[in-house]
Each structure stands twice: as structure tokens, then as C-alpha cells.
PDB file of N, CA and C in Angstrom:
ATOM      1  N   MET A   1     -20.238  11.686  19.925  1.00  0.00           N
ATOM      2  CA  MET A   1     -19.274  11.376  20.979  1.00  0.00           C
ATOM      3  C   MET A   1     -19.091   9.570  20.615  1.00  0.00           C
ATOM      4  N   LEU A   2     -17.750   9.270  20.480  1.00  0.00           N
ATOM      5  CA  LEU A   2     -17.607   7.946  20.200  1.00  0.00           C
ATOM      6  C   LEU A   2     -17.825   7.044  21.603  1.00  0.00           C
ATOM      7  N   ASP A   3     -18.313   6.065  21.402  1.00  0.00           N
ATOM      8  CA  ASP A   3     -18.655   5.055  22.570  1.00  0.00           C
ATOM      9  C   ASP A   3     -17.478   4.236  22.572  1.00  0.00           C
ATOM     10  N   THR A   4     -16.652   4.494  23.512  1.00  0.00           N
ATOM     11  CA  THR A   4     -15.460   3.584  23.669  1.00  0.00           C
ATOM     12  C   THR A   4     -15.608   2.247  24.858  1.00  0.00           C
ATOM     13  N   SER A   5     -17.006   2.359  25.359  1.00  0.00           N
ATOM     14  CA  SER A   5     -17.186   1.303  26.237  1.00  0.00           C
ATOM     15  C   SER A   5     -16.987  -0.208  25.862  1.00  0.00           C
ATOM     16  N   PRO A   6     -16.777  -0.513  24.557  1.00  0.00           N
ATOM     17  CA  PRO A   6     -16.434  -1.917  24.404  1.00  0.00           C
ATOM     18  C   PRO A   6     -15.059  -2.028  24.567  1.00  0.00           C
ATOM     19  N   LEU A   7     -14.273  -1.075  24.420  1.00  0.00           N
ATOM     20  CA  LEU A   7     -12.703  -1.216  24.752  1.00  0.00           C
ATOM     21  C   LEU A   7     -12.447  -1.030  26.164  1.00  0.00           C
ATOM     22  N   THR A   8     -13.050  -0.247  26.637  1.00  0.00           N
ATOM     23  CA  THR A   8     -12.926  -0.318  28.330  1.00  0.00           C
ATOM     24  C   THR A   8     -13.462  -1.489  29.057  1.00  0.00           C
ATOM     25  N   ALA A   9     -14.397  -1.882  28.582  1.00  0.00           N
ATOM     26  CA  ALA A   9     -14.840  -3.329  29.340  1.00  0.00           C
ATOM     27  C   ALA A   9     -14.054  -4.356  28.893  1.00  0.00           C
ATOM     28  N   ALA A  10     -13.395  -4.711  27.747  1.00  0.00           N
ATOM     29  CA  ALA A  10     -12.444  -5.652  27.347  1.00  0.00           C
ATOM     30  C   ALA A  10     -11.237  -5.515  28.006  1.00  0.00           C
ATOM     31  N   VAL A  11     -10.770  -4.138  28.098  1.00  0.00           N
ATOM     32  CA  VAL A  11      -9.413  -3.796  28.963  1.00  0.00           C
ATOM     33  C   VAL A  11      -9.708  -4.281  30.238  1.00  0.00           C
ATOM     34  N   GLU A  12     -10.677  -3.777  30.863  1.00  0.00           N
ATOM     35  CA  GLU A  12     -10.798  -4.081  32.437  1.00  0.00           C
ATOM     36  C   GLU A  12     -11.053  -5.461  32.723  1.00  0.00           C
ATOM     37  N   ARG A  13     -11.932  -6.236  31.846  1.00  0.00           N
ATOM     38  CA  ARG A  13     -11.892  -7.641  32.078  1.00  0.00           C
ATOM     39  C   ARG A  13     -10.557  -8.301  32.171  1.00  0.00           C
ATOM     40  N   PHE A  14      -9.664  -8.061  31.059  1.00  0.00           N
ATOM     41  CA  PHE A  14      -8.691  -8.813  30.959  1.00  0.00           C
ATOM     42  C   PHE A  14      -7.550  -8.282  31.860  1.00  0.00           C
ATOM     43  N   ALA A  15      -7.583  -7.174  32.240  1.00  0.00           N
ATOM     44  CA  ALA A  15      -6.698  -6.471  33.525  1.00  0.00           C
ATOM     45  C   ALA A  15      -7.102  -7.326  34.665  1.00  0.00           C
ATOM     46  N   ASP A  16      -8.387  -7.554  34.853  1.00  0.00           N
ATOM     47  CA  ASP A  16      -8.800  -8.047  36.216  1.00  0.00           C
ATOM     48  C   ASP A  16      -8.395  -9.635  36.154  1.00  0.00           C
ATOM     49  N   ARG A  17      -8.417 -10.199  34.930  1.00  0.00           N
ATOM     50  CA  ARG A  17      -8.150 -11.584  34.982  1.00  0.00           C
ATOM     51  C   ARG A  17      -6.596 -11.753  35.118  1.00  0.00           C
ATOM     52  N   LEU A  18      -5.673 -10.750  34.766  1.00  0.00           N
ATOM     53  CA  LEU A  18      -4.286 -10.854  34.943  1.00  0.00           C
ATOM     54  C   LEU A  18      -3.839 -10.724  36.352  1.00  0.00           C
ATOM     55  N   ARG A  19      -4.532  -9.779  36.959  1.00  0.00           N
ATOM     56  CA  ARG A  19      -4.336  -9.551  38.613  1.00  0.00           C
ATOM     57  C   ARG A  19      -4.533 -10.655  39.252  1.00  0.00           C
ATOM     58  N   ALA A  20      -5.600 -11.492  38.935  1.00  0.00           N
ATOM     59  CA  ALA A  20      -6.000 -12.599  39.621  1.00  0.00           C
ATOM     60  C   ALA A  20      -5.219 -14.028  39.286  1.00  0.00           C
ATOM     61  N   MET A  21      -4.480 -14.003  38.121  1.00  0.00           N
ATOM     62  CA  MET A  21      -3.585 -15.004  37.846  1.00  0.00           C
ATOM     63  C   MET A  21      -2.553 -15.404  38.955  1.00  0.00           C
ATOM     64  N   PRO A  22      -2.180 -16.693  38.914  1.00  0.00           N
ATOM     65  CA  PRO A  22      -1.083 -17.050  39.988  1.00  0.00           C
ATOM     66  C   PRO A  22       0.224 -16.699  38.967  1.00  0.00           C
ATOM     67  N   GLN A  23       1.193 -16.608  39.785  1.00  0.00           N
ATOM     68  CA  GLN A  23       2.699 -16.181  39.211  1.00  0.00           C
ATOM     69  C   GLN A  23       3.161 -17.157  38.253  1.00  0.00           C
ATOM     70  N   SER A  24       2.631 -18.421  38.374  1.00  0.00           N
ATOM     71  CA  SER A  24       3.377 -19.515  37.653  1.00  0.00           C
ATOM     72  C   SER A  24       2.600 -19.351  36.129  1.00  0.00           C
ATOM     73  N   ARG A  25       1.200 -18.997  36.012  1.00  0.00           N
ATOM     74  CA  ARG A  25       0.539 -18.731  34.983  1.00  0.00           C
ATOM     75  C   ARG A  25       1.090 -17.414  34.116  1.00  0.00           C
ATOM     76  N   LEU A  26       1.362 -16.426  34.919  1.00  0.00           N
ATOM     77  CA  LEU A  26       1.913 -15.150  34.431  1.00  0.00           C
ATOM     78  C   LEU A  26       3.232 -15.351  33.619  1.00  0.00           C
ATOM     79  N   GLN A  27       4.068 -16.177  34.539  1.00  0.00           N
ATOM     80  CA  GLN A  27       5.431 -16.434  33.861  1.00  0.00           C
ATOM     81  C   GLN A  27       5.453 -17.419  32.667  1.00  0.00           C
ATOM     82  N   GLN A  28       4.412 -18.344  32.484  1.00  0.00           N
ATOM     83  CA  GLN A  28       4.394 -19.018  31.580  1.00  0.00           C
ATOM     84  C   GLN A  28       3.986 -18.471  30.067  1.00  0.00           C
ATOM     85  N   GLY A  29       3.794 -17.343  30.199  1.00  0.00           N
ATOM     86  CA  GLY A  29       3.720 -16.297  29.021  1.00  0.00           C
ATOM     87  C   GLY A  29       2.490 -15.395  28.914  1.00  0.00           C
ATOM     88  N   ALA A  30       1.495 -15.620  29.687  1.00  0.00           N
ATOM     89  CA  ALA A  30       0.494 -14.441  29.975  1.00  0.00           C
ATOM     90  C   ALA A  30       0.829 -13.155  30.006  1.00  0.00           C
ATOM     91  N   ALA A  31       1.848 -12.907  30.988  1.00  0.00           N
ATOM     92  CA  ALA A  31       2.527 -11.692  31.333  1.00  0.00           C
ATOM     93  C   ALA A  31       3.131 -11.156  29.960  1.00  0.00           C
ATOM     94  N   ALA A  32       3.869 -12.054  29.458  1.00  0.00           N
ATOM     95  CA  ALA A  32       4.655 -11.626  28.049  1.00  0.00           C
ATOM     96  C   ALA A  32       3.521 -11.078  27.272  1.00  0.00           C
ATOM     97  N   ARG A  33       2.565 -11.721  26.841  1.00  0.00           N
ATOM     98  CA  ARG A  33       1.507 -11.261  25.868  1.00  0.00           C
ATOM     99  C   ARG A  33       0.798  -9.956  26.414  1.00  0.00           C
ATOM    100  N   ALA A  34       0.261 -10.016  27.675  1.00  0.00           N
ATOM    101  CA  ALA A  34      -0.191  -8.810  28.156  1.00  0.00           C
ATOM    102  C   ALA A  34       0.631  -7.461  27.885  1.00  0.00           C
ATOM    103  N   LEU A  35       2.095  -7.772  28.084  1.00  0.00           N
ATOM    104  CA  LEU A  35       2.784  -6.388  28.091  1.00  0.00           C
ATOM    105  C   LEU A  35       2.950  -5.998  26.422  1.00  0.00           C
ATOM    106  N   GLU A  36       3.051  -7.062  25.623  1.00  0.00           N
ATOM    107  CA  GLU A  36       3.050  -6.842  24.113  1.00  0.00           C
ATOM    108  C   GLU A  36       1.665  -6.019  23.937  1.00  0.00           C
ATOM    109  N   LEU A  37       0.769  -6.515  24.207  1.00  0.00           N
ATOM    110  CA  LEU A  37      -0.502  -5.754  24.146  1.00  0.00           C
ATOM    111  C   LEU A  37      -0.545  -4.169  24.747  1.00  0.00           C
ATOM    112  N   ALA A  38      -0.033  -4.171  25.967  1.00  0.00           N
ATOM    113  CA  ALA A  38       0.084  -2.743  26.691  1.00  0.00           C
ATOM    114  C   ALA A  38       0.783  -1.779  25.781  1.00  0.00           C
ATOM    115  N   ARG A  39       1.926  -2.446  25.141  1.00  0.00           N
ATOM    116  CA  ARG A  39       2.974  -1.490  24.488  1.00  0.00           C
ATOM    117  C   ARG A  39       2.279  -1.161  23.111  1.00  0.00           C
ATOM    118  N   GLU A  40       1.386  -2.170  22.423  1.00  0.00           N
ATOM    119  CA  GLU A  40       0.774  -1.584  21.161  1.00  0.00           C
ATOM    120  C   GLU A  40      -0.306  -0.840  21.605  1.00  0.00           C
ATOM    121  N   LEU A  41      -1.085  -0.720  22.594  1.00  0.00           N
ATOM    122  CA  LEU A  41      -2.206   0.103  22.738  1.00  0.00           C
ATOM    123  C   LEU A  41      -1.465   1.366  23.154  1.00  0.00           C
ATOM    124  N   SER A  42      -0.388   1.451  23.822  1.00  0.00           N
ATOM    125  CA  SER A  42       0.266   2.822  24.062  1.00  0.00           C
ATOM    126  C   SER A  42       0.740   3.375  22.939  1.00  0.00           C
ATOM    127  N   VAL A  43       1.387   2.710  22.172  1.00  0.00           N
ATOM    128  CA  VAL A  43       1.872   3.158  20.948  1.00  0.00           C
ATOM    129  C   VAL A  43       0.669   3.708  19.979  1.00  0.00           C
ATOM    130  N   ARG A  44      -0.435   3.240  20.047  1.00  0.00           N
ATOM    131  CA  ARG A  44      -1.560   3.742  19.295  1.00  0.00           C
ATOM    132  C   ARG A  44      -2.022   5.018  19.898  1.00  0.00           C
ATOM    133  N   SER A  45      -2.125   4.989  21.204  1.00  0.00           N
ATOM    134  CA  SER A  45      -2.654   6.303  21.596  1.00  0.00           C
ATOM    135  C   SER A  45      -1.723   7.521  21.424  1.00  0.00           C
ATOM    136  N   GLN A  46      -0.263   7.100  21.735  1.00  0.00           N
ATOM    137  CA  GLN A  46       0.648   8.265  21.412  1.00  0.00           C
ATOM    138  C   GLN A  46       0.556   8.695  20.086  1.00  0.00           C
ATOM    139  N   ALA A  47       0.202   7.844  19.120  1.00  0.00           N
ATOM    140  CA  ALA A  47       0.160   8.346  17.740  1.00  0.00           C
ATOM    141  C   ALA A  47      -1.051   9.200  17.488  1.00  0.00           C
ATOM    142  N   LEU A  48      -2.138   8.925  18.105  1.00  0.00           N
ATOM    143  CA  LEU A  48      -3.370   9.638  18.160  1.00  0.00           C
ATOM    144  C   LEU A  48      -3.084  11.005  18.760  1.00  0.00           C
ATOM    145  N   GLU A  49      -2.516  11.014  20.003  1.00  0.00           N
ATOM    146  CA  GLU A  49      -2.230  12.285  20.538  1.00  0.00           C
ATOM    147  C   GLU A  49      -1.249  13.110  19.742  1.00  0.00           C
ATOM    148  N   ALA A  50      -0.209  12.656  19.381  1.00  0.00           N
ATOM    149  CA  ALA A  50       0.509  13.486  18.467  1.00  0.00           C
ATOM    150  C   ALA A  50       0.041  13.980  17.211  1.00  0.00           C
ATOM    151  N   HIS A  51      -0.845  13.296  16.544  1.00  0.00           N
ATOM    152  CA  HIS A  51      -1.513  13.701  15.520  1.00  0.00           C
ATOM    153  C   HIS A  51      -2.467  14.988  15.847  1.00  0.00           C
ATOM    154  N   ARG A  52      -3.095  14.549  16.775  1.00  0.00           N
ATOM    155  CA  ARG A  52      -4.019  15.740  17.223  1.00  0.00           C
ATOM    156  C   ARG A  52      -3.298  17.146  17.805  1.00  0.00           C
ATOM    157  N   GLU A  53      -2.266  16.697  18.374  1.00  0.00           N
ATOM    158  CA  GLU A  53      -1.392  17.928  18.706  1.00  0.00           C
ATOM    159  C   GLU A  53      -0.546  18.605  17.699  1.00  0.00           C
ATOM    160  N   GLY A  54      -0.430  17.916  16.353  1.00  0.00           N
ATOM    161  CA  GLY A  54       0.196  18.297  15.393  1.00  0.00           C
ATOM    162  C   GLY A  54       1.667  18.196  15.547  1.00  0.00           C
ATOM    163  N   ALA A  55       2.143  17.146  16.577  1.00  0.00           N
ATOM    164  CA  ALA A  55       3.412  17.129  16.778  1.00  0.00           C
ATOM    165  C   ALA A  55       4.148  16.318  15.841  1.00  0.00           C
ATOM    166  N   GLY A  56       3.631  15.636  14.798  1.00  0.00           N
ATOM    167  CA  GLY A  56       4.299  14.748  13.894  1.00  0.00           C
ATOM    168  C   GLY A  56       4.668  13.429  14.343  1.00  0.00           C
ATOM    169  N   ALA A  57       5.491  12.740  13.793  1.00  0.00           N
ATOM    170  CA  ALA A  57       5.780  11.485  14.065  1.00  0.00           C
ATOM    171  C   ALA A  57       6.941  11.260  15.138  1.00  0.00           C
ATOM    172  N   ALA A  58       6.830  11.752  16.187  1.00  0.00           N
ATOM    173  CA  ALA A  58       7.808  11.478  17.150  1.00  0.00           C
ATOM    174  C   ALA A  58       7.897  10.062  17.706  1.00  0.00           C
ATOM    175  N   PRO A  59       9.046   9.606  17.876  1.00  0.00           N
ATOM    176  CA  PRO A  59       9.228   8.062  18.335  1.00  0.00           C
ATOM    177  C   PRO A  59       8.346   7.865  19.539  1.00  0.00           C
ATOM    178  N   ALA A  60       7.686   6.734  19.622  1.00  0.00           N
ATOM    179  CA  ALA A  60       6.833   6.449  20.485  1.00  0.00           C
ATOM    180  C   ALA A  60       7.617   6.102  21.940  1.00  0.00           C
ATOM    181  N   ARG A  61       7.107   6.401  22.905  1.00  0.00           N
ATOM    182  CA  ARG A  61       7.940   6.043  24.210  1.00  0.00           C
ATOM    183  C   ARG A  61       7.408   4.479  24.565  1.00  0.00           C
ATOM    184  N   GLU A  62       8.268   3.511  24.910  1.00  0.00           N
ATOM    185  CA  GLU A  62       7.940   2.181  25.053  1.00  0.00           C
ATOM    186  C   GLU A  62       7.514   2.033  26.564  1.00  0.00           C
ATOM    187  N   MET A  63       6.507   1.286  26.878  1.00  0.00           N
ATOM    188  CA  MET A  63       5.959   0.905  27.936  1.00  0.00           C
ATOM    189  C   MET A  63       7.000  -0.073  28.711  1.00  0.00           C
ATOM    190  N   PRO A  64       7.578   0.195  29.956  1.00  0.00           N
ATOM    191  CA  PRO A  64       8.625  -0.654  30.441  1.00  0.00           C
ATOM    192  C   PRO A  64       8.039  -1.936  30.793  1.00  0.00           C
ATOM    193  N   ASP A  65       8.963  -3.029  30.983  1.00  0.00           N
ATOM    194  CA  ASP A  65       8.821  -4.192  31.553  1.00  0.00           C
ATOM    195  C   ASP A  65       8.852  -3.799  32.950  1.00  0.00           C
ATOM    196  N   ALA A  66       7.667  -3.914  33.809  1.00  0.00           N
ATOM    197  CA  ALA A  66       7.874  -3.619  35.265  1.00  0.00           C
ATOM    198  C   ALA A  66       7.530  -4.743  36.042  1.00  0.00           C
ATOM    199  N   GLY A  67       7.709  -6.023  35.365  1.00  0.00           N
ATOM    200  CA  GLY A  67       7.451  -7.317  36.125  1.00  0.00           C
ATOM    201  C   GLY A  67       6.026  -7.790  35.995  1.00  0.00           C
ATOM    202  N   VAL A  68       5.826  -9.215  36.143  1.00  0.00           N
ATOM    203  CA  VAL A  68       4.495  -9.785  35.953  1.00  0.00           C
ATOM    204  C   VAL A  68       3.485  -9.459  36.958  1.00  0.00           C
ATOM    205  N   PHE A  69       3.751  -8.987  38.106  1.00  0.00           N
ATOM    206  CA  PHE A  69       2.739  -8.646  38.974  1.00  0.00           C
ATOM    207  C   PHE A  69       2.156  -7.141  38.457  1.00  0.00           C
ATOM    208  N   VAL A  70       2.696  -6.545  37.703  1.00  0.00           N
ATOM    209  CA  VAL A  70       2.292  -5.211  37.160  1.00  0.00           C
ATOM    210  C   VAL A  70       1.504  -5.051  36.015  1.00  0.00           C
ATOM    211  N   VAL A  71       1.663  -6.111  35.138  1.00  0.00           N
ATOM    212  CA  VAL A  71       1.193  -6.157  33.706  1.00  0.00           C
ATOM    213  C   VAL A  71      -0.319  -5.859  33.693  1.00  0.00           C
ATOM    214  N   GLY A  72      -1.141  -6.386  34.617  1.00  0.00           N
ATOM    215  CA  GLY A  72      -2.561  -6.032  34.530  1.00  0.00           C
ATOM    216  C   GLY A  72      -2.658  -4.520  34.617  1.00  0.00           C
ATOM    217  N   ASP A  73      -2.116  -3.829  35.628  1.00  0.00           N
ATOM    218  CA  ASP A  73      -2.205  -2.334  35.511  1.00  0.00           C
ATOM    219  C   ASP A  73      -1.665  -1.767  34.322  1.00  0.00           C
ATOM    220  N   GLN A  74      -0.726  -2.179  33.579  1.00  0.00           N
ATOM    221  CA  GLN A  74      -0.164  -1.650  32.520  1.00  0.00           C
ATOM    222  C   GLN A  74      -1.150  -1.823  31.363  1.00  0.00           C
ATOM    223  N   VAL A  75      -1.775  -2.938  31.262  1.00  0.00           N
ATOM    224  CA  VAL A  75      -2.862  -3.183  30.270  1.00  0.00           C
ATOM    225  C   VAL A  75      -3.996  -2.305  30.390  1.00  0.00           C
ATOM    226  N   ALA A  76      -4.590  -1.854  31.842  1.00  0.00           N
ATOM    227  CA  ALA A  76      -5.520  -1.197  32.113  1.00  0.00           C
ATOM    228  C   ALA A  76      -5.137   0.366  31.606  1.00  0.00           C
ATOM    229  N   VAL A  77      -4.074   0.739  32.140  1.00  0.00           N
ATOM    230  CA  VAL A  77      -3.524   2.063  31.785  1.00  0.00           C
ATOM    231  C   VAL A  77      -3.419   2.449  30.078  1.00  0.00           C
ATOM    232  N   ALA A  78      -2.943   1.621  29.706  1.00  0.00           N
ATOM    233  CA  ALA A  78      -2.803   1.695  28.161  1.00  0.00           C
ATOM    234  C   ALA A  78      -4.171   1.630  27.530  1.00  0.00           C
ATOM    235  N   GLY A  79      -4.885   0.765  27.979  1.00  0.00           N
ATOM    236  CA  GLY A  79      -6.261   0.654  27.230  1.00  0.00           C
ATOM    237  C   GLY A  79      -7.251   1.962  27.374  1.00  0.00           C
ATOM    238  N   LEU A  80      -7.204   2.361  28.741  1.00  0.00           N
ATOM    239  CA  LEU A  80      -7.900   3.486  29.093  1.00  0.00           C
ATOM    240  C   LEU A  80      -7.268   4.798  28.430  1.00  0.00           C
ATOM    241  N   ASP A  81      -5.953   4.869  28.257  1.00  0.00           N
ATOM    242  CA  ASP A  81      -5.442   6.032  27.380  1.00  0.00           C
ATOM    243  C   ASP A  81      -5.925   5.892  26.212  1.00  0.00           C
ATOM    244  N   LEU A  82      -5.919   4.821  25.458  1.00  0.00           N
ATOM    245  CA  LEU A  82      -6.360   4.830  24.091  1.00  0.00           C
ATOM    246  C   LEU A  82      -7.629   5.146  23.960  1.00  0.00           C
ATOM    247  N   ALA A  83      -8.599   4.712  24.758  1.00  0.00           N
ATOM    248  CA  ALA A  83     -10.100   5.077  24.746  1.00  0.00           C
ATOM    249  C   ALA A  83     -10.230   6.470  25.006  1.00  0.00           C
ATOM    250  N   GLU A  84      -9.485   7.225  25.811  1.00  0.00           N
ATOM    251  CA  GLU A  84      -9.681   8.607  25.829  1.00  0.00           C
ATOM    252  C   GLU A  84      -9.142   9.266  24.551  1.00  0.00           C
ATOM    253  N   ALA A  85      -8.047   8.789  24.084  1.00  0.00           N
ATOM    254  CA  ALA A  85      -7.404   9.285  22.573  1.00  0.00           C
ATOM    255  C   ALA A  85      -8.462   9.167  21.601  1.00  0.00           C
ATOM    256  N   LEU A  86      -9.053   7.981  21.441  1.00  0.00           N
ATOM    257  CA  LEU A  86     -10.047   7.722  20.328  1.00  0.00           C
ATOM    258  C   LEU A  86     -11.231   8.601  20.460  1.00  0.00           C
ATOM    259  N   ARG A  87     -11.594   8.920  21.912  1.00  0.00           N
ATOM    260  CA  ARG A  87     -12.735   9.819  22.019  1.00  0.00           C
ATOM    261  C   ARG A  87     -12.475  11.363  21.550  1.00  0.00           C
ATOM    262  N   ALA A  88     -11.222  11.720  21.953  1.00  0.00           N
ATOM    263  CA  ALA A  88     -10.715  12.966  21.454  1.00  0.00           C
ATOM    264  C   ALA A  88     -10.649  13.215  19.964  1.00  0.00           C
ATOM    265  N   ALA A  89     -10.164  12.094  19.528  1.00  0.00           N
ATOM    266  CA  ALA A  89      -9.988  12.030  17.912  1.00  0.00           C
ATOM    267  C   ALA A  89     -11.150  11.986  17.138  1.00  0.00           C
ATOM    268  N   ALA A  90     -12.167  11.501  17.722  1.00  0.00           N
ATOM    269  CA  ALA A  90     -13.645  11.504  17.214  1.00  0.00           C
ATOM    270  C   ALA A  90     -14.279  12.691  17.395  1.00  0.00           C
ATOM    271  N   GLU A  91     -13.968  13.428  18.337  1.00  0.00           N
ATOM    272  CA  GLU A  91     -14.545  14.758  18.508  1.00  0.00           C
ATOM    273  C   GLU A  91     -13.979  15.837  17.409  1.00  0.00           C
ATOM    274  N   GLY A  92     -12.736  15.406  16.995  1.00  0.00           N
ATOM    275  CA  GLY A  92     -12.025  16.495  15.940  1.00  0.00           C
ATOM    276  C   GLY A  92     -12.255  16.201  14.687  1.00  0.00           C
ATOM    277  N   ALA A  93     -12.905  14.874  14.449  1.00  0.00           N
ATOM    278  CA  ALA A  93     -12.830  14.337  13.074  1.00  0.00           C
ATOM    279  C   ALA A  93     -14.526  14.762  12.583  1.00  0.00           C
ATOM    280  N   PRO A  94     -14.362  14.996  11.279  1.00  0.00           N
ATOM    281  CA  PRO A  94     -15.990  15.276  10.659  1.00  0.00           C
ATOM    282  C   PRO A  94     -16.769  14.067  10.893  1.00  0.00           C
ATOM    283  N   GLU A  95     -17.956  14.404  10.849  1.00  0.00           N
ATOM    284  CA  GLU A  95     -18.987  13.338  11.127  1.00  0.00           C
ATOM    285  C   GLU A  95     -18.989  12.067  10.200  1.00  0.00           C
ATOM    286  N   THR A  96     -18.301  12.136   9.265  1.00  0.00           N
ATOM    287  CA  THR A  96     -18.306  10.955   8.242  1.00  0.00           C
ATOM    288  C   THR A  96     -16.961  10.181   8.474  1.00  0.00           C
ATOM    289  N   ALA A  97     -16.053  10.700   9.259  1.00  0.00           N
ATOM    290  CA  ALA A  97     -14.813   9.959   9.244  1.00  0.00           C
ATOM    291  C   ALA A  97     -15.169   8.658  10.141  1.00  0.00           C
ATOM    292  N   GLU A  98     -14.574   7.845   9.622  1.00  0.00           N
ATOM    293  CA  GLU A  98     -14.688   6.440  10.387  1.00  0.00           C
ATOM    294  C   GLU A  98     -13.510   6.099  11.178  1.00  0.00           C
ATOM    295  N   ALA A  99     -12.428   6.523  10.928  1.00  0.00           N
ATOM    296  CA  ALA A  99     -11.282   6.226  11.400  1.00  0.00           C
ATOM    297  C   ALA A  99     -10.941   5.858  12.853  1.00  0.00           C
ATOM    298  N   PRO A 100     -11.580   6.826  13.660  1.00  0.00           N
ATOM    299  CA  PRO A 100     -11.707   6.275  15.145  1.00  0.00           C
ATOM    300  C   PRO A 100     -12.491   5.116  15.458  1.00  0.00           C
ATOM    301  N   SER A 101     -13.513   4.933  14.813  1.00  0.00           N
ATOM    302  CA  SER A 101     -14.552   3.806  15.163  1.00  0.00           C
ATOM    303  C   SER A 101     -13.804   2.499  14.565  1.00  0.00           C
ATOM    304  N   VAL A 102     -13.060   2.641  13.376  1.00  0.00           N
ATOM    305  CA  VAL A 102     -12.356   1.457  13.068  1.00  0.00           C
ATOM    306  C   VAL A 102     -11.240   1.176  13.898  1.00  0.00           C
ATOM    307  N   MET A 103     -10.517   2.187  14.545  1.00  0.00           N
ATOM    308  CA  MET A 103      -9.331   1.907  15.335  1.00  0.00           C
ATOM    309  C   MET A 103      -9.921   1.332  16.670  1.00  0.00           C
ATOM    310  N   LEU A 104     -11.030   1.730  16.926  1.00  0.00           N
ATOM    311  CA  LEU A 104     -11.779   1.329  18.489  1.00  0.00           C
ATOM    312  C   LEU A 104     -12.111  -0.120  18.115  1.00  0.00           C
ATOM    313  N   ASP A 105     -12.595  -0.660  16.992  1.00  0.00           N
ATOM    314  CA  ASP A 105     -12.741  -1.923  16.604  1.00  0.00           C
ATOM    315  C   ASP A 105     -11.469  -2.971  16.642  1.00  0.00           C
ATOM    316  N   GLU A 106     -10.600  -2.242  15.965  1.00  0.00           N
ATOM    317  CA  GLU A 106      -9.139  -2.980  16.031  1.00  0.00           C
ATOM    318  C   GLU A 106      -8.549  -3.238  17.326  1.00  0.00           C
ATOM    319  N   ALA A 107      -8.706  -2.378  18.364  1.00  0.00           N
ATOM    320  CA  ALA A 107      -8.184  -2.377  19.573  1.00  0.00           C
ATOM    321  C   ALA A 107      -8.814  -3.167  20.320  1.00  0.00           C
ATOM    322  N   VAL A 108     -10.380  -3.520  20.254  1.00  0.00           N
ATOM    323  CA  VAL A 108     -11.046  -4.413  20.955  1.00  0.00           C
ATOM    324  C   VAL A 108     -10.660  -5.781  20.648  1.00  0.00           C
ATOM    325  N   ARG A 109     -10.465  -5.990  19.262  1.00  0.00           N
ATOM    326  CA  ARG A 109      -9.978  -7.305  18.699  1.00  0.00           C
ATOM    327  C   ARG A 109      -8.716  -7.679  19.303  1.00  0.00           C
ATOM    328  N   LEU A 110      -7.756  -6.674  19.299  1.00  0.00           N
ATOM    329  CA  LEU A 110      -6.318  -6.948  20.026  1.00  0.00           C
ATOM    330  C   LEU A 110      -6.314  -7.383  21.351  1.00  0.00           C
ATOM    331  N   VAL A 111      -7.273  -6.858  22.188  1.00  0.00           N
ATOM    332  CA  VAL A 111      -7.480  -7.282  23.456  1.00  0.00           C
ATOM    333  C   VAL A 111      -8.165  -8.464  23.751  1.00  0.00           C
ATOM    334  N   GLU A 112      -9.026  -8.807  22.849  1.00  0.00           N
ATOM    335  CA  GLU A 112      -9.594 -10.056  22.879  1.00  0.00           C
ATOM    336  C   GLU A 112      -8.707 -11.417  22.508  1.00  0.00           C
ATOM    337  N   ARG A 113      -8.121 -10.999  21.530  1.00  0.00           N
ATOM    338  CA  ARG A 113      -6.951 -11.915  21.065  1.00  0.00           C
ATOM    339  C   ARG A 113      -5.920 -12.074  22.329  1.00  0.00           C
ATOM    340  N   ALA A 114      -5.414 -11.087  22.699  1.00  0.00           N
ATOM    341  CA  ALA A 114      -4.341 -11.415  23.825  1.00  0.00           C
ATOM    342  C   ALA A 114      -4.986 -12.072  24.918  1.00  0.00           C
ATOM    343  N   GLU A 115      -6.166 -11.798  25.468  1.00  0.00           N
ATOM    344  CA  GLU A 115      -6.900 -12.449  26.501  1.00  0.00           C
ATOM    345  C   GLU A 115      -6.827 -13.813  26.198  1.00  0.00           C
ATOM    346  N   ALA A 116      -7.377 -14.271  24.946  1.00  0.00           N
ATOM    347  CA  ALA A 116      -7.440 -15.704  24.644  1.00  0.00           C
ATOM    348  C   ALA A 116      -6.040 -16.328  24.423  1.00  0.00           C
ATOM    349  N   GLY A 117      -5.014 -15.618  24.240  1.00  0.00           N
ATOM    350  CA  GLY A 117      -3.797 -16.229  24.096  1.00  0.00           C
ATOM    351  C   GLY A 117      -3.204 -16.460  25.360  1.00  0.00           C
ATOM    352  N   ALA A 118      -3.567 -15.350  26.513  1.00  0.00           N
ATOM    353  CA  ALA A 118      -3.111 -15.672  27.740  1.00  0.00           C
ATOM    354  C   ALA A 118      -3.722 -16.622  28.541  1.00  0.00           C
ATOM    355  N   SER A 119      -4.900 -16.980  28.120  1.00  0.00           N
ATOM    356  CA  SER A 119      -5.741 -17.874  28.805  1.00  0.00           C
ATOM    357  C   SER A 119      -5.319 -19.534  28.620  1.00  0.00           C
ATOM    358  N   ARG A 120      -4.474 -19.510  27.616  1.00  0.00           N
ATOM    359  CA  ARG A 120      -4.275 -20.953  27.266  1.00  0.00           C
ATOM    360  C   ARG A 120      -3.155 -21.540  28.235  1.00  0.00           C
TER     361      ARG A 120
END
């Protein structure tokens, strides 16, 4: 089983920071960066789920802009969805397959970069 705890920890840490940020900081770009991250994580999980279900390349549903006060929750939901999709993909993959673990590492880096960018 793929250990997705690095992703879930990074996502939860960033989501908590976003929830604690003042409105002014969120409006200065932190919320926009976070929404961009949530959308990217969502697209990745949808692609994994479509592949697993054999659904093909259906157009991804875009995470809506629900406002600056919701973006922490959007990051958390999208990140946890991706962690679950990665675990499911790893279960169905041969033991030698590296793709889910590589995607996990990429996702963690995305979260860390978004968090660093939102902190400026």
C-alpha cells in the first residue's frame, strides 16, 4: 500500500495556514495560489480515477471559485481526494510500477511550492 501521509500532512498544514490567514493576506494572492493548487490536485485525481475506471479522457470538472474563505477547505478536499486516488492506483499497479509514487512526490512538491508562494 502506498503511504500517502507526506501528501496528506502537507495538504492539511497548508489548509490550516490558509484558514488562519487574515482576509487581507488571502486577497493579496494567497487564495488565488491556493485555488490554483486545489484545481491542479483535483484534475490529477480525476485523471487517476478515470483511468482506473476505464472511462477514458473525459474533460475534468473544474473546482469552482467559492471565495477566499473557502479555499483552505478546497485545498484539503482536493489533496485528500488525490491521496485516495493515488492509493487506489497503487493497489491496482504491478509491484514494479513507480507511477503512483512519482505522482505522490510531485503532488507534495506542488503543495510545498504553493504554500511557500502564499506565505510571501
